[in-house]
Amino acid sequence: AAQTGIPVIFAVVTTETIEQAIERSGSKAGNKGY
């Protein structure tokens, strides 16, 4: 993003557990891609 001037968004889920990943990809904690 800094080098090109194009907005590049980091929407990578980084979690301790698979359950947390599921929550952040469309259940309790929303969807980080959205």
Full PDB file with SEQRES, HELIX, SHEET, SSBOND, CRYST1, ORIGX, SCALE, CONECT and MASTER records, all heavy atoms in Angstrom:
SEQRES   1 A   34  ALA ALA GLN THR GLY ILE PRO VAL ILE PHE ALA VAL VAL          
SEQRES   2 A   34  THR THR GLU THR ILE GLU GLN ALA ILE GLU ARG SER GLY          
SEQRES   3 A   34  SER LYS ALA GLY ASN LYS GLY TYR                              
HELIX    1 AA1 ILE A   18  ARG A   24  1                                   7    
CRYST1    1.000    1.000    1.000  90.00  90.00  90.00 P 1           1          
ORIGX1      1.000000  0.000000  0.000000        0.00000                         
ORIGX2      0.000000  1.000000  0.000000        0.00000                         
ORIGX3      0.000000  0.000000  1.000000        0.00000                         
SCALE1      1.000000  0.000000  0.000000        0.00000                         
SCALE2      0.000000  1.000000  0.000000        0.00000                         
SCALE3      0.000000  0.000000  1.000000        0.00000                         
ATOM      1  N   ALA A   1       0.835  -1.204   0.000  1.00  0.00           N  
ATOM      2  CA  ALA A   1       0.000   0.000   0.000  1.00  0.00           C  
ATOM      3  C   ALA A   1       0.871   1.257   0.000  1.00  0.00           C  
ATOM      4  O   ALA A   1       0.638   2.185  -0.779  1.00  0.00           O  
ATOM      5  CB  ALA A   1      -0.934  -0.006   1.205  1.00  0.00           C  
ATOM      6  N   ALA A   2       1.874   1.284   0.856  1.00  0.00           N  
ATOM      7  CA  ALA A   2       2.731   2.469   0.961  1.00  0.00           C  
ATOM      8  C   ALA A   2       3.525   2.712  -0.321  1.00  0.00           C  
ATOM      9  O   ALA A   2       3.700   3.857  -0.744  1.00  0.00           O  
ATOM     10  CB  ALA A   2       3.684   2.316   2.148  1.00  0.00           C  
ATOM     11  N   GLN A   3       3.978   1.652  -0.963  1.00  0.00           N  
ATOM     12  CA  GLN A   3       4.813   1.797  -2.155  1.00  0.00           C  
ATOM     13  C   GLN A   3       4.020   2.102  -3.416  1.00  0.00           C  
ATOM     14  O   GLN A   3       4.546   2.724  -4.335  1.00  0.00           O  
ATOM     15  CB  GLN A   3       5.652   0.534  -2.358  1.00  0.00           C  
ATOM     16  CG  GLN A   3       6.694   0.336  -1.287  1.00  0.00           C  
ATOM     17  CD  GLN A   3       7.312  -1.059  -1.300  1.00  0.00           C  
ATOM     18  OE1 GLN A   3       6.928  -1.924  -2.082  1.00  0.00           O  
ATOM     19  NE2 GLN A   3       8.270  -1.274  -0.420  1.00  0.00           N  
ATOM     20  N   THR A   4       2.778   1.663  -3.476  1.00  0.00           N  
ATOM     21  CA  THR A   4       2.002   1.828  -4.712  1.00  0.00           C  
ATOM     22  C   THR A   4       0.972   2.942  -4.638  1.00  0.00           C  
ATOM     23  O   THR A   4       0.501   3.403  -5.666  1.00  0.00           O  
ATOM     24  CB  THR A   4       1.266   0.530  -5.081  1.00  0.00           C  
ATOM     25  OG1 THR A   4       0.284   0.231  -4.072  1.00  0.00           O  
ATOM     26  CG2 THR A   4       2.240  -0.633  -5.248  1.00  0.00           C  
ATOM     27  N   GLY A   5       0.589   3.347  -3.422  1.00  0.00           N  
ATOM     28  CA  GLY A   5      -0.455   4.347  -3.278  1.00  0.00           C  
ATOM     29  C   GLY A   5      -1.852   3.800  -3.486  1.00  0.00           C  
ATOM     30  O   GLY A   5      -2.816   4.553  -3.510  1.00  0.00           O  
ATOM     31  N   ILE A   6      -1.975   2.508  -3.631  1.00  0.00           N  
ATOM     32  CA  ILE A   6      -3.274   1.846  -3.777  1.00  0.00           C  
ATOM     33  C   ILE A   6      -3.664   1.302  -2.401  1.00  0.00           C  
ATOM     34  O   ILE A   6      -2.855   0.638  -1.749  1.00  0.00           O  
ATOM     35  CB  ILE A   6      -3.197   0.660  -4.779  1.00  0.00           C  
ATOM     36  CG1 ILE A   6      -2.727   1.124  -6.150  1.00  0.00           C  
ATOM     37  CG2 ILE A   6      -4.527  -0.088  -4.867  1.00  0.00           C  
ATOM     38  CD1 ILE A   6      -3.651   2.037  -6.874  1.00  0.00           C  
ATOM     39  N   PRO A   7      -4.892   1.532  -1.938  1.00  0.00           N  
ATOM     40  CA  PRO A   7      -5.291   0.935  -0.659  1.00  0.00           C  
ATOM     41  C   PRO A   7      -5.229  -0.593  -0.746  1.00  0.00           C  
ATOM     42  O   PRO A   7      -5.823  -1.200  -1.635  1.00  0.00           O  
ATOM     43  CB  PRO A   7      -6.735   1.404  -0.482  1.00  0.00           C  
ATOM     44  CG  PRO A   7      -6.846   2.637  -1.314  1.00  0.00           C  
ATOM     45  CD  PRO A   7      -5.934   2.403  -2.494  1.00  0.00           C  
ATOM     46  N   VAL A   8      -4.458  -1.179   0.146  1.00  0.00           N  
ATOM     47  CA  VAL A   8      -4.338  -2.636   0.246  1.00  0.00           C  
ATOM     48  C   VAL A   8      -4.624  -2.971   1.702  1.00  0.00           C  
ATOM     49  O   VAL A   8      -3.851  -2.613   2.591  1.00  0.00           O  
ATOM     50  CB  VAL A   8      -2.941  -3.138  -0.177  1.00  0.00           C  
ATOM     51  CG1 VAL A   8      -2.894  -4.662  -0.134  1.00  0.00           C  
ATOM     52  CG2 VAL A   8      -2.577  -2.630  -1.574  1.00  0.00           C  
ATOM     53  N   ILE A   9      -5.723  -3.658   1.931  1.00  0.00           N  
ATOM     54  CA  ILE A   9      -6.214  -3.902   3.280  1.00  0.00           C  
ATOM     55  C   ILE A   9      -5.796  -5.290   3.757  1.00  0.00           C  
ATOM     56  O   ILE A   9      -5.981  -6.276   3.043  1.00  0.00           O  
ATOM     57  CB  ILE A   9      -7.750  -3.767   3.330  1.00  0.00           C  
ATOM     58  CG1 ILE A   9      -8.190  -2.410   2.768  1.00  0.00           C  
ATOM     59  CG2 ILE A   9      -8.272  -3.996   4.742  1.00  0.00           C  
ATOM     60  CD1 ILE A   9      -7.635  -1.191   3.462  1.00  0.00           C  
ATOM     61  N   PHE A  10      -5.271  -5.343   4.967  1.00  0.00           N  
ATOM     62  CA  PHE A  10      -4.869  -6.595   5.608  1.00  0.00           C  
ATOM     63  C   PHE A  10      -6.070  -7.141   6.369  1.00  0.00           C  
ATOM     64  O   PHE A  10      -6.426  -6.626   7.430  1.00  0.00           O  
ATOM     65  CB  PHE A  10      -3.693  -6.330   6.556  1.00  0.00           C  
ATOM     66  CG  PHE A  10      -3.130  -7.552   7.205  1.00  0.00           C  
ATOM     67  CD1 PHE A  10      -2.329  -8.426   6.492  1.00  0.00           C  
ATOM     68  CD2 PHE A  10      -3.378  -7.825   8.542  1.00  0.00           C  
ATOM     69  CE1 PHE A  10      -1.781  -9.552   7.102  1.00  0.00           C  
ATOM     70  CE2 PHE A  10      -2.840  -8.945   9.158  1.00  0.00           C  
ATOM     71  CZ  PHE A  10      -2.041  -9.814   8.430  1.00  0.00           C  
ATOM     72  N   ALA A  11      -6.718  -8.143   5.818  1.00  0.00           N  
ATOM     73  CA  ALA A  11      -7.889  -8.762   6.445  1.00  0.00           C  
ATOM     74  C   ALA A  11      -7.598 -10.235   6.727  1.00  0.00           C  
ATOM     75  O   ALA A  11      -8.389 -11.121   6.418  1.00  0.00           O  
ATOM     76  CB  ALA A  11      -9.126  -8.597   5.570  1.00  0.00           C  
ATOM     77  N   VAL A  12      -6.436 -10.473   7.305  1.00  0.00           N  
ATOM     78  CA  VAL A  12      -6.010 -11.820   7.648  1.00  0.00           C  
ATOM     79  C   VAL A  12      -6.416 -12.095   9.094  1.00  0.00           C  
ATOM     80  O   VAL A  12      -6.097 -11.311   9.988  1.00  0.00           O  
ATOM     81  CB  VAL A  12      -4.490 -11.994   7.472  1.00  0.00           C  
ATOM     82  CG1 VAL A  12      -4.034 -13.374   7.932  1.00  0.00           C  
ATOM     83  CG2 VAL A  12      -4.102 -11.752   6.011  1.00  0.00           C  
ATOM     84  N   VAL A  13      -7.105 -13.185   9.294  1.00  0.00           N  
ATOM     85  CA  VAL A  13      -7.508 -13.595  10.639  1.00  0.00           C  
ATOM     86  C   VAL A  13      -6.309 -14.266  11.293  1.00  0.00           C  
ATOM     87  O   VAL A  13      -5.751 -15.222  10.749  1.00  0.00           O  
ATOM     88  CB  VAL A  13      -8.716 -14.560  10.557  1.00  0.00           C  
ATOM     89  CG1 VAL A  13      -9.019 -15.169  11.909  1.00  0.00           C  
ATOM     90  CG2 VAL A  13      -9.930 -13.851   9.998  1.00  0.00           C  
ATOM     91  N   THR A  14      -5.895 -13.751  12.443  1.00  0.00           N  
ATOM     92  CA  THR A  14      -4.766 -14.334  13.191  1.00  0.00           C  
ATOM     93  C   THR A  14      -5.295 -14.692  14.573  1.00  0.00           C  
ATOM     94  O   THR A  14      -5.660 -13.810  15.347  1.00  0.00           O  
ATOM     95  CB  THR A  14      -3.605 -13.332  13.288  1.00  0.00           C  
ATOM     96  OG1 THR A  14      -4.046 -12.143  13.917  1.00  0.00           O  
ATOM     97  CG2 THR A  14      -3.049 -12.985  11.919  1.00  0.00           C  
ATOM     98  N   THR A  15      -5.347 -15.986  14.855  1.00  0.00           N  
ATOM     99  CA  THR A  15      -6.000 -16.429  16.087  1.00  0.00           C  
ATOM    100  C   THR A  15      -5.192 -17.494  16.808  1.00  0.00           C  
ATOM    101  O   THR A  15      -4.270 -18.097  16.252  1.00  0.00           O  
ATOM    102  CB  THR A  15      -7.404 -17.007  15.789  1.00  0.00           C  
ATOM    103  OG1 THR A  15      -7.264 -18.170  14.980  1.00  0.00           O  
ATOM    104  CG2 THR A  15      -8.287 -15.992  15.086  1.00  0.00           C  
ATOM    105  N   GLU A  16      -5.607 -17.727  18.032  1.00  0.00           N  
ATOM    106  CA  GLU A  16      -5.006 -18.776  18.850  1.00  0.00           C  
ATOM    107  C   GLU A  16      -5.627 -20.148  18.550  1.00  0.00           C  
ATOM    108  O   GLU A  16      -4.961 -21.164  18.683  1.00  0.00           O  
ATOM    109  CB  GLU A  16      -5.209 -18.463  20.339  1.00  0.00           C  
ATOM    110  CG  GLU A  16      -4.581 -17.155  20.783  1.00  0.00           C  
ATOM    111  CD  GLU A  16      -3.055 -17.191  20.752  1.00  0.00           C  
ATOM    112  OE1 GLU A  16      -2.466 -18.226  21.107  1.00  0.00           O  
ATOM    113  OE2 GLU A  16      -2.473 -16.163  20.369  1.00  0.00           O  
ATOM    114  N   THR A  17      -6.919 -20.154  18.158  1.00  0.00           N  
ATOM    115  CA  THR A  17      -7.630 -21.421  17.977  1.00  0.00           C  
ATOM    116  C   THR A  17      -8.488 -21.406  16.723  1.00  0.00           C  
ATOM    117  O   THR A  17      -8.842 -20.342  16.206  1.00  0.00           O  
ATOM    118  CB  THR A  17      -8.573 -21.703  19.176  1.00  0.00           C  
ATOM    119  OG1 THR A  17      -9.614 -20.718  19.176  1.00  0.00           O  
ATOM    120  CG2 THR A  17      -7.823 -21.690  20.504  1.00  0.00           C  
ATOM    121  N   ILE A  18      -8.856 -22.581  16.269  1.00  0.00           N  
ATOM    122  CA  ILE A  18      -9.766 -22.704  15.126  1.00  0.00           C  
ATOM    123  C   ILE A  18     -11.125 -22.098  15.455  1.00  0.00           C  
ATOM    124  O   ILE A  18     -11.769 -21.485  14.606  1.00  0.00           O  
ATOM    125  CB  ILE A  18      -9.899 -24.181  14.665  1.00  0.00           C  
ATOM    126  CG1 ILE A  18     -10.727 -24.276  13.377  1.00  0.00           C  
ATOM    127  CG2 ILE A  18     -10.547 -25.033  15.725  1.00  0.00           C  
ATOM    128  CD1 ILE A  18     -10.003 -23.868  12.151  1.00  0.00           C  
ATOM    129  N   GLU A  19     -11.557 -22.229  16.689  1.00  0.00           N  
ATOM    130  CA  GLU A  19     -12.849 -21.660  17.103  1.00  0.00           C  
ATOM    131  C   GLU A  19     -12.850 -20.140  16.943  1.00  0.00           C  
ATOM    132  O   GLU A  19     -13.837 -19.556  16.476  1.00  0.00           O  
ATOM    133  CB  GLU A  19     -13.180 -22.045  18.551  1.00  0.00           C  
ATOM    134  CG  GLU A  19     -13.480 -23.517  18.761  1.00  0.00           C  
ATOM    135  CD  GLU A  19     -12.225 -24.395  18.831  1.00  0.00           C  
ATOM    136  OE1 GLU A  19     -11.101 -23.861  19.013  1.00  0.00           O  
ATOM    137  OE2 GLU A  19     -12.363 -25.624  18.684  1.00  0.00           O  
ATOM    138  N   GLN A  20     -11.762 -19.491  17.330  1.00  0.00           N  
ATOM    139  CA  GLN A  20     -11.661 -18.040  17.164  1.00  0.00           C  
ATOM    140  C   GLN A  20     -11.673 -17.667  15.682  1.00  0.00           C  
ATOM    141  O   GLN A  20     -12.267 -16.652  15.293  1.00  0.00           O  
ATOM    142  CB  GLN A  20     -10.379 -17.515  17.817  1.00  0.00           C  
ATOM    143  CG  GLN A  20     -10.390 -17.573  19.324  1.00  0.00           C  
ATOM    144  CD  GLN A  20      -9.030 -17.213  19.907  1.00  0.00           C  
ATOM    145  OE1 GLN A  20      -8.001 -17.242  19.224  1.00  0.00           O  
ATOM    146  NE2 GLN A  20      -9.010 -16.880  21.190  1.00  0.00           N  
ATOM    147  N   ALA A  21     -11.025 -18.477  14.859  1.00  0.00           N  
ATOM    148  CA  ALA A  21     -11.002 -18.212  13.418  1.00  0.00           C  
ATOM    149  C   ALA A  21     -12.412 -18.305  12.831  1.00  0.00           C  
ATOM    150  O   ALA A  21     -12.813 -17.468  12.023  1.00  0.00           O  
ATOM    151  CB  ALA A  21     -10.063 -19.194  12.720  1.00  0.00           C  
ATOM    152  N   ILE A  22     -13.161 -19.303  13.267  1.00  0.00           N  
ATOM    153  CA  ILE A  22     -14.535 -19.453  12.794  1.00  0.00           C  
ATOM    154  C   ILE A  22     -15.367 -18.235  13.199  1.00  0.00           C  
ATOM    155  O   ILE A  22     -16.151 -17.703  12.403  1.00  0.00           O  
ATOM    156  CB  ILE A  22     -15.148 -20.762  13.319  1.00  0.00           C  
ATOM    157  CG1 ILE A  22     -14.452 -21.955  12.649  1.00  0.00           C  
ATOM    158  CG2 ILE A  22     -16.652 -20.811  13.087  1.00  0.00           C  
ATOM    159  CD1 ILE A  22     -14.760 -23.295  13.283  1.00  0.00           C  
ATOM    160  N   GLU A  23     -15.182 -17.774  14.424  1.00  0.00           N  
ATOM    161  CA  GLU A  23     -15.919 -16.600  14.908  1.00  0.00           C  
ATOM    162  C   GLU A  23     -15.623 -15.363  14.074  1.00  0.00           C  
ATOM    163  O   GLU A  23     -16.518 -14.552  13.825  1.00  0.00           O  
ATOM    164  CB  GLU A  23     -15.560 -16.312  16.373  1.00  0.00           C  
ATOM    165  CG  GLU A  23     -16.124 -17.309  17.350  1.00  0.00           C  
ATOM    166  CD  GLU A  23     -15.639 -17.075  18.777  1.00  0.00           C  
ATOM    167  OE1 GLU A  23     -14.868 -16.110  19.010  1.00  0.00           O  
ATOM    168  OE2 GLU A  23     -16.033 -17.849  19.658  1.00  0.00           O  
ATOM    169  N   ARG A  24     -14.385 -15.197  13.623  1.00  0.00           N  
ATOM    170  CA  ARG A  24     -13.985 -13.993  12.900  1.00  0.00           C  
ATOM    171  C   ARG A  24     -14.213 -14.099  11.392  1.00  0.00           C  
ATOM    172  O   ARG A  24     -13.946 -13.151  10.652  1.00  0.00           O  
ATOM    173  CB  ARG A  24     -12.521 -13.684  13.186  1.00  0.00           C  
ATOM    174  CG  ARG A  24     -12.330 -13.166  14.606  1.00  0.00           C  
ATOM    175  CD  ARG A  24     -10.883 -13.236  15.069  1.00  0.00           C  
ATOM    176  NE  ARG A  24     -10.712 -12.682  16.392  1.00  0.00           N  
ATOM    177  CZ  ARG A  24     -11.049 -13.302  17.525  1.00  0.00           C  
ATOM    178  NH1 ARG A  24     -11.625 -14.487  17.496  1.00  0.00           N  
ATOM    179  NH2 ARG A  24     -10.836 -12.720  18.694  1.00  0.00           N  
ATOM    180  N   SER A  25     -14.710 -15.246  10.957  1.00  0.00           N  
ATOM    181  CA  SER A  25     -14.938 -15.423   9.517  1.00  0.00           C  
ATOM    182  C   SER A  25     -16.413 -15.626   9.201  1.00  0.00           C  
ATOM    183  O   SER A  25     -16.757 -16.227   8.190  1.00  0.00           O  
ATOM    184  CB  SER A  25     -14.119 -16.615   8.996  1.00  0.00           C  
ATOM    185  OG  SER A  25     -14.588 -17.826   9.573  1.00  0.00           O  
ATOM    186  N   GLY A  26     -17.255 -15.120  10.064  1.00  0.00           N  
ATOM    187  CA  GLY A  26     -18.665 -15.151   9.704  1.00  0.00           C  
ATOM    188  C   GLY A  26     -19.631 -15.547  10.784  1.00  0.00           C  
ATOM    189  O   GLY A  26     -20.823 -15.634  10.538  1.00  0.00           O  
ATOM    190  N   SER A  27     -19.164 -15.758  12.009  1.00  0.00           N  
ATOM    191  CA  SER A  27     -20.145 -16.080  13.053  1.00  0.00           C  
ATOM    192  C   SER A  27     -20.187 -14.952  14.083  1.00  0.00           C  
ATOM    193  O   SER A  27     -20.400 -13.804  13.728  1.00  0.00           O  
ATOM    194  CB  SER A  27     -19.871 -17.456  13.676  1.00  0.00           C  
ATOM    195  OG  SER A  27     -18.707 -17.449  14.456  1.00  0.00           O  
ATOM    196  N   LYS A  28     -19.924 -15.239  15.329  1.00  0.00           N  
ATOM    197  CA  LYS A  28     -20.095 -14.267  16.426  1.00  0.00           C  
ATOM    198  C   LYS A  28     -19.357 -12.942  16.246  1.00  0.00           C  
ATOM    199  O   LYS A  28     -19.878 -11.891  16.585  1.00  0.00           O  
ATOM    200  CB  LYS A  28     -19.603 -14.874  17.745  1.00  0.00           C  
ATOM    201  CG  LYS A  28     -20.450 -15.954  18.299  1.00  0.00           C  
ATOM    202  CD  LYS A  28     -19.917 -16.300  19.680  1.00  0.00           C  
ATOM    203  CE  LYS A  28     -19.871 -17.787  19.884  1.00  0.00           C  
ATOM    204  NZ  LYS A  28     -19.275 -18.129  21.163  1.00  0.00           N  
ATOM    205  N   ALA A  29     -18.156 -12.982  15.750  1.00  0.00           N  
ATOM    206  CA  ALA A  29     -17.320 -11.777  15.690  1.00  0.00           C  
ATOM    207  C   ALA A  29     -17.351 -11.120  14.315  1.00  0.00           C  
ATOM    208  O   ALA A  29     -16.462 -10.350  13.971  1.00  0.00           O  
ATOM    209  CB  ALA A  29     -15.891 -12.122  16.096  1.00  0.00           C  
ATOM    210  N   GLY A  30     -18.355 -11.391  13.519  1.00  0.00           N  
ATOM    211  CA  GLY A  30     -18.458 -10.780  12.199  1.00  0.00           C  
ATOM    212  C   GLY A  30     -17.601 -11.495  11.179  1.00  0.00           C  
ATOM    213  O   GLY A  30     -17.259 -12.668  11.331  1.00  0.00           O  
ATOM    214  N   ASN A  31     -17.258 -10.789  10.110  1.00  0.00           N  
ATOM    215  CA  ASN A  31     -16.463 -11.361   9.031  1.00  0.00           C  
ATOM    216  C   ASN A  31     -15.402 -10.335   8.643  1.00  0.00           C  
ATOM    217  O   ASN A  31     -15.721  -9.256   8.161  1.00  0.00           O  
ATOM    218  CB  ASN A  31     -17.366 -11.704   7.837  1.00  0.00           C  
ATOM    219  CG  ASN A  31     -16.620 -12.400   6.726  1.00  0.00           C  
ATOM    220  OD1 ASN A  31     -15.624 -11.889   6.229  1.00  0.00           O  
ATOM    221  ND2 ASN A  31     -17.108 -13.559   6.331  1.00  0.00           N  
ATOM    222  N   LYS A  32     -14.159 -10.683   8.873  1.00  0.00           N  
ATOM    223  CA  LYS A  32     -13.058  -9.750   8.612  1.00  0.00           C  
ATOM    224  C   LYS A  32     -12.885  -9.480   7.118  1.00  0.00           C  
ATOM    225  O   LYS A  32     -12.375  -8.424   6.735  1.00  0.00           O  
ATOM    226  CB  LYS A  32     -11.757 -10.248   9.230  1.00  0.00           C  
ATOM    227  CG  LYS A  32     -11.827 -10.389  10.751  1.00  0.00           C  
ATOM    228  CD  LYS A  32     -12.339  -9.134  11.410  1.00  0.00           C  
ATOM    229  CE  LYS A  32     -12.539  -9.318  12.897  1.00  0.00           C  
ATOM    230  NZ  LYS A  32     -13.400  -8.314  13.492  1.00  0.00           N  
ATOM    231  N   GLY A  33     -13.307 -10.389   6.257  1.00  0.00           N  
ATOM    232  CA  GLY A  33     -13.278 -10.125   4.818  1.00  0.00           C  
ATOM    233  C   GLY A  33     -14.252  -9.023   4.447  1.00  0.00           C  
ATOM    234  O   GLY A  33     -13.937  -8.118   3.670  1.00  0.00           O  
ATOM    235  N   TYR A  34     -15.441  -9.073   5.015  1.00  0.00           N  
ATOM    236  CA  TYR A  34     -16.454  -8.045   4.805  1.00  0.00           C  
ATOM    237  C   TYR A  34     -15.932  -6.696   5.301  1.00  0.00           C  
ATOM    238  O   TYR A  34     -16.004  -5.684   4.592  1.00  0.00           O  
ATOM    239  CB  TYR A  34     -17.734  -8.434   5.545  1.00  0.00           C  
ATOM    240  CG  TYR A  34     -18.858  -7.421   5.458  1.00  0.00           C  
ATOM    241  CD1 TYR A  34     -19.752  -7.448   4.396  1.00  0.00           C  
ATOM    242  CD2 TYR A  34     -19.018  -6.453   6.440  1.00  0.00           C  
ATOM    243  CE1 TYR A  34     -20.786  -6.527   4.308  1.00  0.00           C  
ATOM    244  CE2 TYR A  34     -20.042  -5.522   6.367  1.00  0.00           C  
ATOM    245  CZ  TYR A  34     -20.932  -5.562   5.302  1.00  0.00           C  
ATOM    246  OH  TYR A  34     -21.945  -4.642   5.221  1.00  0.00           O  
TER     247      TYR A  34                                                      
MASTER        0    0    0    1    0    0    0    6  246    1    0    3          
END                                                                             
